[in-house]
Protein backbone atom coordinates (compact mmCIF):
# COMPACT_ATOMS: atom_id res chain seq x y z
CA MET A 1 -110.99 19.48 -36.40
CA PRO A 2 -108.08 21.18 -34.60
CA MET A 3 -107.25 24.69 -35.68
CA THR A 4 -103.83 24.31 -37.31
CA ALA A 5 -103.46 27.58 -39.20
CA THR A 6 -100.20 29.18 -38.24
CA ASP A 7 -101.70 32.65 -38.46
CA ALA A 8 -103.92 32.21 -35.40
CA PRO A 9 -102.09 30.45 -32.54
CA GLU A 10 -104.38 32.10 -30.02
CA ALA A 11 -107.16 29.83 -31.22
CA ALA A 12 -105.74 27.12 -28.94
CA THR A 13 -107.02 29.04 -25.94
CA MET A 14 -110.52 28.91 -27.32
CA GLY A 15 -110.75 25.14 -27.60
CA THR A 16 -110.46 23.10 -30.78
CA ALA A 17 -112.51 24.01 -33.80
CA ARG A 18 -115.54 21.76 -33.94
CA LYS A 19 -116.85 19.49 -36.65
CA SER A 20 -120.20 20.39 -38.17
CA SER A 21 -121.95 17.83 -36.01
CA ASP A 22 -120.52 19.33 -32.84
CA VAL A 23 -122.05 22.82 -32.79
CA SER A 24 -124.96 22.18 -30.42
CA GLY A 25 -125.42 23.74 -27.01
CA SER A 26 -123.62 20.94 -25.22
CA ALA A 27 -120.40 21.73 -27.09
CA ARG A 28 -120.46 25.29 -25.77
CA ALA A 29 -119.83 24.07 -22.25
CA SER A 30 -116.09 24.04 -22.78
CA SER A 31 -114.52 26.15 -20.04
CA ARG A 32 -111.52 26.79 -22.26
CA ARG A 33 -113.50 28.78 -24.82
CA PHE A 34 -113.80 32.52 -24.36
CA GLN A 35 -117.38 33.62 -25.00
CA PRO A 36 -117.73 37.34 -25.74
CA LYS A 37 -120.92 39.08 -24.72
CA ARG A 38 -121.22 40.86 -28.02
CA SER A 39 -118.92 41.91 -30.84
CA ASP A 40 -118.16 45.54 -31.59
CA GLY A 41 -118.57 44.58 -35.25
CA PHE A 42 -122.33 44.28 -34.89
CA TYR A 43 -123.33 47.38 -32.97
CA LYS A 44 -125.65 49.72 -34.84
CA ASP A 45 -123.68 52.77 -33.73
CA ASN A 46 -121.11 53.79 -31.13
CA ALA A 47 -123.80 54.88 -28.67
CA ASP A 48 -125.15 51.32 -28.48
CA LYS A 49 -121.90 49.79 -27.24
CA ASN A 50 -121.66 48.67 -23.65
CA THR A 51 -118.17 47.24 -23.66
CA PRO A 52 -114.79 48.27 -22.28
CA ASN A 53 -113.20 47.62 -25.66
CA LYS A 54 -112.59 51.09 -27.09
CA VAL A 55 -112.04 51.72 -30.79
CA ALA A 56 -111.12 54.85 -32.69
CA HIS A 57 -113.98 57.24 -33.30
CA MET A 58 -114.40 56.35 -36.96
CA PRO A 59 -117.69 55.70 -38.74
CA LYS A 60 -118.85 52.11 -39.11
CA ILE A 61 -118.35 50.46 -42.50
CA LYS A 62 -121.78 49.01 -43.21
CA ILE A 63 -121.64 45.94 -45.43
CA ALA A 64 -124.10 43.39 -46.80
CA LEU A 65 -123.31 39.80 -47.80
CA ALA A 66 -124.71 38.03 -50.86
CA GLY A 67 -124.22 34.41 -49.88
CA VAL A 68 -123.78 33.04 -46.35
CA GLY A 69 -121.31 30.27 -47.08
CA ASN A 70 -117.89 29.42 -45.70
CA CYS A 71 -116.29 32.73 -46.66
CA ALA A 72 -119.10 34.61 -44.92
CA SER A 73 -118.57 32.39 -41.89
CA ALA A 74 -114.86 33.20 -41.74
CA LEU A 75 -115.53 36.92 -42.18
CA THR A 76 -118.23 37.01 -39.50
CA GLN A 77 -116.21 35.00 -37.00
CA GLY A 78 -113.19 37.17 -37.75
CA LEU A 79 -115.04 40.29 -36.63
CA THR A 80 -115.51 38.78 -33.19
CA TYR A 81 -112.11 37.10 -33.06
CA TYR A 82 -110.15 40.27 -33.80
CA THR A 83 -112.26 42.30 -31.40
CA MET A 84 -111.10 39.91 -28.67
CA PHE A 85 -107.48 39.88 -29.83
CA LYS A 86 -107.09 43.45 -31.05
CA GLU A 87 -103.89 43.98 -29.04
CA ASN A 88 -102.14 41.11 -30.82
CA PRO A 89 -103.90 40.63 -34.17
CA ILE A 90 -101.82 37.78 -35.56
CA GLY A 91 -103.02 36.70 -39.00
CA LEU A 92 -103.95 40.14 -40.32
CA ARG A 93 -101.88 41.67 -43.07
CA ASN A 94 -103.06 45.16 -42.09
CA PRO A 95 -104.36 45.44 -38.51
CA GLN A 96 -105.06 49.09 -39.31
CA LEU A 97 -105.74 50.48 -42.76
CA GLY A 98 -106.31 54.18 -43.24
CA GLY A 99 -107.30 54.49 -39.58
CA PHE A 100 -109.83 51.65 -39.80
CA THR A 101 -109.57 48.39 -37.83
CA PRO A 102 -111.72 45.27 -38.32
CA SER A 103 -113.94 46.43 -35.44
CA HIS A 104 -115.18 49.27 -37.66
CA ILE A 105 -116.80 46.74 -40.01
CA GLN A 106 -120.50 46.13 -39.38
CA ILE A 107 -122.62 43.55 -41.20
CA VAL A 108 -126.10 45.02 -41.67
CA ALA A 109 -127.74 42.60 -44.14
CA ALA A 110 -127.24 39.10 -45.56
CA PHE A 111 -128.87 36.99 -48.28
CA ASP A 112 -128.91 33.25 -49.00
CA ILE A 113 -131.15 30.61 -50.61
CA ASP A 114 -130.79 27.62 -48.25
CA LYS A 115 -133.73 27.03 -45.92
CA ARG A 116 -131.36 26.18 -43.07
CA LYS A 117 -130.04 29.75 -43.18
CA VAL A 118 -132.91 31.93 -44.40
CA GLY A 119 -134.83 33.51 -41.52
CA LYS A 120 -132.04 32.74 -39.04
CA ASP A 121 -129.81 35.24 -37.26
CA LEU A 122 -126.48 35.48 -39.08
CA ALA A 123 -124.70 34.14 -35.97
CA GLU A 124 -126.65 30.89 -36.35
CA ALA A 125 -126.77 30.76 -40.15
CA ILE A 126 -122.99 30.75 -40.65
CA PHE A 127 -122.75 27.40 -38.84
CA ALA A 128 -125.69 25.78 -40.67
CA PRO A 129 -125.02 22.97 -43.20
CA PRO A 130 -123.58 22.68 -45.75
CA ASN A 131 -121.08 25.17 -44.28
CA ASN A 132 -118.03 23.39 -42.88
CA ALA A 133 -115.62 26.23 -42.10
CA PRO A 134 -113.79 25.79 -38.79
CA ARG A 135 -115.58 27.21 -35.77
CA VAL A 136 -113.00 29.35 -33.97
CA THR A 137 -115.29 31.38 -31.70
CA ASP A 138 -118.87 31.62 -30.53
CA ILE A 139 -120.89 34.45 -32.05
CA ALA A 140 -123.54 36.35 -30.10
CA ALA A 141 -126.81 37.22 -31.84
CA THR A 142 -126.12 39.91 -34.44
CA GLY A 143 -129.63 41.23 -35.03
CA VAL A 144 -129.12 40.54 -38.75
CA THR A 145 -131.68 38.09 -40.15
CA VAL A 146 -130.64 36.26 -43.32
CA GLN A 147 -133.02 37.20 -46.14
CA LYS A 148 -134.09 34.97 -49.02
CA GLY A 149 -132.14 35.86 -52.13
CA PRO A 150 -133.14 34.98 -55.71
CA LEU A 151 -132.32 31.41 -56.74
CA LEU A 152 -131.61 31.99 -60.46
CA ASP A 153 -128.51 29.88 -61.25
CA GLY A 154 -127.32 29.71 -57.65
CA ILE A 155 -127.32 25.88 -57.49
CA GLY A 156 -125.20 23.76 -59.81
CA LYS A 157 -126.18 20.22 -60.73
CA SER A 158 -123.50 18.72 -58.49
CA ALA A 159 -124.72 20.74 -55.48
CA LYS A 160 -128.46 20.13 -55.95
CA ASP A 161 -128.42 17.29 -53.41
CA ILE A 162 -126.47 19.40 -50.91
CA ILE A 163 -128.36 22.71 -51.00
CA GLN A 164 -131.95 22.82 -49.65
CA PRO A 165 -133.69 25.80 -51.32
CA SER A 166 -135.95 27.90 -49.12
CA THR A 167 -139.59 28.25 -50.15
CA GLN A 168 -139.87 31.73 -48.63
CA PRO A 169 -140.53 34.57 -51.07
CA ASP A 170 -137.54 36.45 -52.40
CA ALA A 171 -136.60 39.59 -50.56
CA ASP A 172 -136.40 42.88 -52.42
CA VAL A 173 -132.61 43.10 -52.36
CA ALA A 174 -132.31 46.80 -53.23
CA GLN A 175 -134.95 47.78 -50.69
CA THR A 176 -133.31 45.65 -47.99
CA LEU A 177 -129.95 47.28 -48.70
CA ARG A 178 -131.46 50.76 -48.50
CA GLN A 179 -133.31 50.03 -45.27
CA ALA A 180 -130.13 48.67 -43.70
CA ASN A 181 -128.12 51.70 -44.87
CA ALA A 182 -125.64 49.35 -46.49
CA GLU A 183 -122.68 51.03 -48.18
CA ILE A 184 -121.02 47.98 -49.70
CA LEU A 185 -122.50 44.73 -51.06
CA ILE A 186 -120.04 41.82 -51.15
CA ASN A 187 -120.77 39.02 -53.61
CA LEU A 188 -119.78 35.70 -51.98
CA LEU A 189 -121.94 33.43 -54.15
CA PRO A 190 -120.64 30.07 -55.41
CA SER A 191 -118.57 29.89 -58.57
CA GLY A 192 -120.82 29.56 -61.59
CA ALA A 193 -123.72 31.61 -60.22
CA THR A 194 -123.30 34.08 -63.07
CA GLN A 195 -126.90 35.24 -63.38
CA ALA A 196 -127.27 35.60 -59.63
CA SER A 197 -124.00 37.53 -59.36
CA LYS A 198 -125.12 39.96 -62.07
CA HIS A 199 -128.50 40.32 -60.37
CA TYR A 200 -126.83 41.41 -57.13
CA ALA A 201 -124.62 43.80 -59.10
CA GLU A 202 -127.81 45.34 -60.54
CA GLN A 203 -129.37 45.58 -57.09
CA ALA A 204 -126.29 47.31 -55.71
CA ILE A 205 -126.66 50.01 -58.36
CA ALA A 206 -130.36 50.36 -57.54
CA ALA A 207 -129.53 50.71 -53.84
CA ASN A 208 -126.65 53.14 -54.42
CA CYS A 209 -124.13 50.63 -53.00
CA ALA A 210 -120.53 49.86 -53.86
CA PHE A 211 -120.07 46.30 -55.12
CA ILE A 212 -117.23 43.89 -54.34
CA ASN A 213 -117.24 40.78 -56.53
CA ALA A 214 -115.35 37.90 -54.93
CA THR A 215 -116.53 35.41 -57.59
CA PRO A 216 -115.04 34.54 -61.02
CA THR A 217 -117.99 36.16 -62.85
CA TYR A 218 -116.65 38.99 -65.00
CA ILE A 219 -118.06 42.20 -63.54
CA ALA A 220 -115.28 44.57 -62.47
CA SER A 221 -113.16 43.29 -65.36
CA ASP A 222 -116.03 43.82 -67.79
CA ALA A 223 -115.82 47.27 -69.41
CA GLY A 224 -119.61 47.52 -69.68
CA TRP A 225 -120.20 46.95 -65.98
CA ALA A 226 -117.33 49.24 -65.02
CA LYS A 227 -118.84 52.01 -67.14
CA ARG A 228 -122.27 51.54 -65.59
CA TYR A 229 -120.83 51.91 -62.09
CA GLU A 230 -118.81 54.93 -63.15
CA ASN A 231 -121.91 56.56 -64.66
CA ALA A 232 -123.84 55.83 -61.45
CA GLN A 233 -120.95 57.32 -59.45
CA LEU A 234 -120.58 54.05 -57.58
CA LEU A 235 -117.53 51.98 -56.77
CA LEU A 236 -116.70 48.52 -58.11
CA ALA A 237 -113.92 46.01 -57.27
CA GLY A 238 -113.20 42.43 -58.44
CA ASP A 239 -113.04 39.76 -59.84
CA ASP A 240 -112.23 36.41 -58.16
CA LEU A 241 -110.80 36.98 -54.69
CA VAL A 242 -107.20 35.99 -53.98
CA ASP A 243 -106.34 34.00 -50.87
CA GLN A 244 -104.20 35.31 -48.04
CA VAL A 245 -101.91 32.29 -48.36
CA GLY A 246 -103.23 31.03 -51.67
CA SER A 247 -101.71 28.66 -54.16
CA THR A 248 -101.77 31.19 -57.01
CA ALA A 249 -99.82 33.81 -55.05
CA LEU A 250 -97.30 31.18 -53.89
CA HIS A 251 -96.91 29.88 -57.45
CA LYS A 252 -96.30 33.40 -58.79
CA THR A 253 -93.79 34.15 -56.04
CA LEU A 254 -91.81 30.98 -56.74
CA LEU A 255 -91.72 31.67 -60.47
CA LYS A 256 -90.62 35.25 -60.00
CA LEU A 257 -87.90 34.24 -57.51
CA LEU A 258 -86.55 31.63 -59.92
CA SER A 259 -86.78 33.93 -62.93
CA ASN A 260 -84.98 36.73 -61.10
CA SER A 261 -82.23 34.23 -60.26
CA GLY A 262 -81.68 33.49 -63.94
CA VAL A 263 -83.67 30.27 -64.17
CA LYS A 264 -85.52 29.73 -67.45
CA ILE A 265 -88.93 28.18 -66.62
CA THR A 266 -89.91 25.69 -69.33
CA GLU A 267 -93.05 24.12 -67.86
CA THR A 268 -95.14 24.50 -64.71
CA TYR A 269 -98.48 23.47 -63.33
CA GLN A 270 -100.58 24.08 -60.22
CA LEU A 271 -103.44 21.68 -59.47
CA ASP A 272 -105.91 22.20 -56.60
CA VAL A 273 -108.02 19.56 -54.83
CA GLY A 274 -110.58 20.58 -52.21
CA GLY A 275 -113.70 19.75 -50.26
CA GLY A 276 -116.76 21.88 -49.62
CA THR A 277 -119.44 23.20 -51.94
CA GLU A 278 -117.17 25.85 -53.49
CA SER A 279 -114.81 23.17 -54.84
CA LEU A 280 -117.78 21.18 -56.07
CA ASP A 281 -119.28 24.20 -57.83
CA THR A 282 -115.95 25.06 -59.42
CA LEU A 283 -115.63 21.62 -61.01
CA ASP A 284 -119.27 21.61 -62.03
CA ARG A 285 -119.60 25.04 -63.59
CA THR A 286 -116.47 27.18 -63.70
CA ARG A 287 -113.57 24.77 -64.14
CA GLU A 288 -112.44 26.28 -67.44
CA THR A 289 -113.11 29.86 -66.33
CA LYS A 290 -111.13 29.39 -63.13
CA ARG A 291 -108.35 27.66 -65.05
CA ASN A 292 -108.11 30.57 -67.49
CA ILE A 293 -108.11 33.14 -64.68
CA LYS A 294 -105.49 31.31 -62.62
CA THR A 295 -103.30 30.53 -65.62
CA GLN A 296 -103.32 34.17 -66.77
CA SER A 297 -102.56 35.33 -63.23
CA VAL A 298 -99.62 32.93 -62.87
CA ALA A 299 -98.31 33.86 -66.33
CA SER A 300 -98.10 37.51 -65.27
CA ALA A 301 -95.24 36.61 -62.91
CA LEU A 302 -92.88 35.82 -65.81
CA PRO A 303 -91.47 38.27 -68.39
CA TYR A 304 -91.79 35.64 -71.14
CA LYS A 305 -94.28 33.01 -72.31
CA THR A 306 -93.95 29.39 -71.27
CA GLU A 307 -96.11 26.29 -70.74
CA ILE A 308 -98.40 26.98 -67.76
CA VAL A 309 -101.49 25.20 -66.43
CA ALA A 310 -103.21 26.26 -63.20
CA GLY A 311 -106.63 25.29 -61.91
CA SER A 312 -108.89 23.04 -59.84
CA THR A 313 -108.85 19.36 -60.70
CA ASP A 314 -111.05 17.45 -58.27
CA TYR A 315 -113.47 17.47 -55.32
CA VAL A 316 -112.78 15.24 -52.31
CA ASP A 317 -115.62 15.24 -49.81
CA PHE A 318 -113.61 14.17 -46.76
CA LEU A 319 -111.24 17.11 -47.17
CA GLN A 320 -114.14 19.21 -45.85
CA ASN A 321 -113.00 22.87 -45.89
CA LYS A 322 -109.38 22.02 -46.63
CA ARG A 323 -107.53 22.45 -49.91
CA ASP A 324 -104.42 20.68 -51.20
CA SER A 325 -102.42 22.30 -53.99
CA TYR A 326 -99.74 20.54 -56.01
CA PHE A 327 -96.97 22.44 -57.80
CA TRP A 328 -94.55 21.24 -60.46
CA ILE A 329 -91.93 23.58 -61.90
CA SER A 330 -89.36 22.60 -64.50
CA GLY A 331 -86.56 24.79 -65.83
CA THR A 332 -82.90 25.21 -66.61
CA TYR A 333 -80.16 27.32 -65.06
CA PHE A 334 -76.33 27.68 -65.40
CA CYS A 335 -74.95 25.85 -68.47
CA ASN A 336 -78.47 24.57 -69.19
CA ALA A 337 -78.50 22.39 -66.07
CA PRO A 338 -82.02 21.06 -65.28
CA MET A 339 -83.99 21.83 -62.12
CA ARG A 340 -87.39 20.70 -60.88
CA ILE A 341 -89.64 21.54 -57.95
CA ASP A 342 -92.41 19.17 -56.87
CA LEU A 343 -94.32 20.18 -53.74
CA LYS A 344 -97.64 20.02 -51.89
CA PHE A 345 -99.27 22.95 -50.11
CA SER A 346 -102.23 22.48 -47.69
CA THR A 347 -104.53 25.16 -46.26
CA VAL A 348 -107.93 25.61 -44.65
CA ASP A 349 -110.04 27.30 -47.31
CA ALA A 350 -112.47 29.69 -45.60
CA PRO A 351 -110.00 31.59 -43.37
CA ASN A 352 -107.96 32.34 -46.48
CA ALA A 353 -110.58 34.92 -47.48
CA GLY A 354 -110.78 36.78 -44.16
CA SER A 355 -107.71 39.02 -44.08
CA VAL A 356 -108.08 39.97 -47.75
CA LEU A 357 -111.76 40.83 -47.29
CA PHE A 358 -110.92 42.98 -44.28
CA ASP A 359 -108.46 44.93 -46.46
CA ILE A 360 -110.86 45.31 -49.40
CA ILE A 361 -113.75 46.46 -47.22
CA ARG A 362 -111.68 49.13 -45.50
CA ALA A 363 -110.02 50.23 -48.77
CA THR A 364 -113.45 50.50 -50.39
CA LYS A 365 -114.66 52.68 -47.52
CA ILE A 366 -111.64 54.93 -48.00
CA ALA A 367 -112.42 55.15 -51.72
CA LEU A 368 -116.06 55.97 -50.92
CA ASN A 369 -114.96 58.73 -48.56
CA ASN A 370 -113.02 60.21 -51.46
CA LYS A 371 -115.96 59.86 -53.86
CA LYS A 372 -114.21 57.44 -56.22
CA SER A 373 -116.31 55.61 -58.80
CA GLY A 374 -116.07 52.87 -61.40
CA ALA A 375 -113.69 49.90 -61.18
CA ILE A 376 -110.89 50.82 -58.76
CA ILE A 377 -107.64 49.42 -60.16
CA PRO A 378 -105.46 49.68 -57.01
CA ILE A 379 -107.99 47.67 -54.95
CA SER A 380 -108.79 45.17 -57.71
CA ALA A 381 -105.17 44.45 -58.71
CA TYR A 382 -104.19 43.99 -55.05
CA ALA A 383 -106.94 41.59 -54.03
CA PHE A 384 -108.28 39.75 -57.10
CA LYS A 385 -107.04 37.20 -59.61
CA ARG A 386 -108.88 38.80 -62.55
CA PRO A 387 -108.74 42.58 -62.06
CA PRO A 388 -109.50 45.04 -64.89
CA GLN A 389 -105.73 45.54 -65.15
CA MET A 390 -103.28 42.81 -64.15
CA LEU A 391 -100.21 44.02 -62.26
CA PRO A 392 -97.15 42.16 -60.90
CA LEU A 393 -97.45 41.29 -57.20
CA GLU A 394 -94.99 43.92 -55.97
CA THR A 395 -96.47 46.61 -58.21
CA ALA A 396 -100.02 45.75 -57.12
CA GLU A 397 -99.10 46.00 -53.45
CA GLN A 398 -97.19 49.25 -53.93
CA THR A 399 -100.08 50.75 -55.92
CA PHE A 400 -102.54 49.70 -53.23
CA ASN A 401 -100.46 51.19 -50.41
CA THR A 402 -99.99 54.43 -52.35
CA PHE A 403 -103.73 54.61 -52.99
CA ILE A 404 -104.49 54.20 -49.27
CA LYS A 405 -101.90 56.77 -48.26
CA GLU A 406 -103.03 59.36 -50.82
CA ASN A 407 -106.70 58.98 -49.93
CA THR A 408 -106.43 58.89 -46.15
CA SER A 409 -106.93 62.10 -44.21
CA THR A 410 -104.11 62.87 -41.78
């Protein structure tokens, strides 16, 4: 599938992104694809690097991934991609944040339940089925072996024929995190894996790790969990990651623009259709939760109540890792004249997480350096649909930028 995202035109020089059946050794023969020897993002420390690419002398941000799905694939590929294109990092909202660049991020541990990923190097596991995120670059061996995570409720009934559970024994998550010196555990599990998400949140506390919850499970927005992290002097951020160019943010921006222009919004909806296991899991297990989260988020863009519906409506297998969003907005303006907007918005799903994750990881490191604890509102309101405190888009961004500025050493 050709790489069509407008935020990464350089991808054309690396050959077209391949379909899942086209990731074998023969496909790597393309002379148009740049193949890095090794990514700065995976070196254990600065002394190990043997590359001309120089980065600022900042400590590595050591992260662990719970779930090696499409979002993990985009994040991992992004570390290599933006090491190669650091001089012209198109597609990043913040190429530098508090002195940190993406090359400072280092993945030190990863967990999954699928037998096609468990026991494999992360560079191989991110391209294993059922992952179908676009392949934008080749990844050298990372030295990070994917560990078997606990199954719990990690597989929904609609995904049981897609996921192939590993029979290997479960890893001790907390011990693995400690041995890897992980600072931050990022929860990238499927929607609906509530028990598994809470288990990883428990393990992060046990391992003295910060926890970033990208799923809809209420953790950062739950007062009980936030208090536990505060008492443990650990950092927490979440819940439900926003997209870089997501339908919810676009919907909110349109509504605010219209409202500020004097339009009275009477009714609006946003309906999402996608492929991939995440869309399948959402319909199977978290359709109502996601609808409530998205609807509340969209409603925050207006200073008054109106009829709003926002959520996922269907799974279409052949869309693969693409998502189509449909918007309908109805309202009135001067002399009660009617207006309507009816539009379609299409994106590739996995890359939508990359830039936002880069920002959260670096912001979390900055917060850790300043010994923050509990649920961090500036990070959560900036990057999540269901933060502990909902803020308007402009306020959330301003609060985030102020937080970074005030907590960055000069």
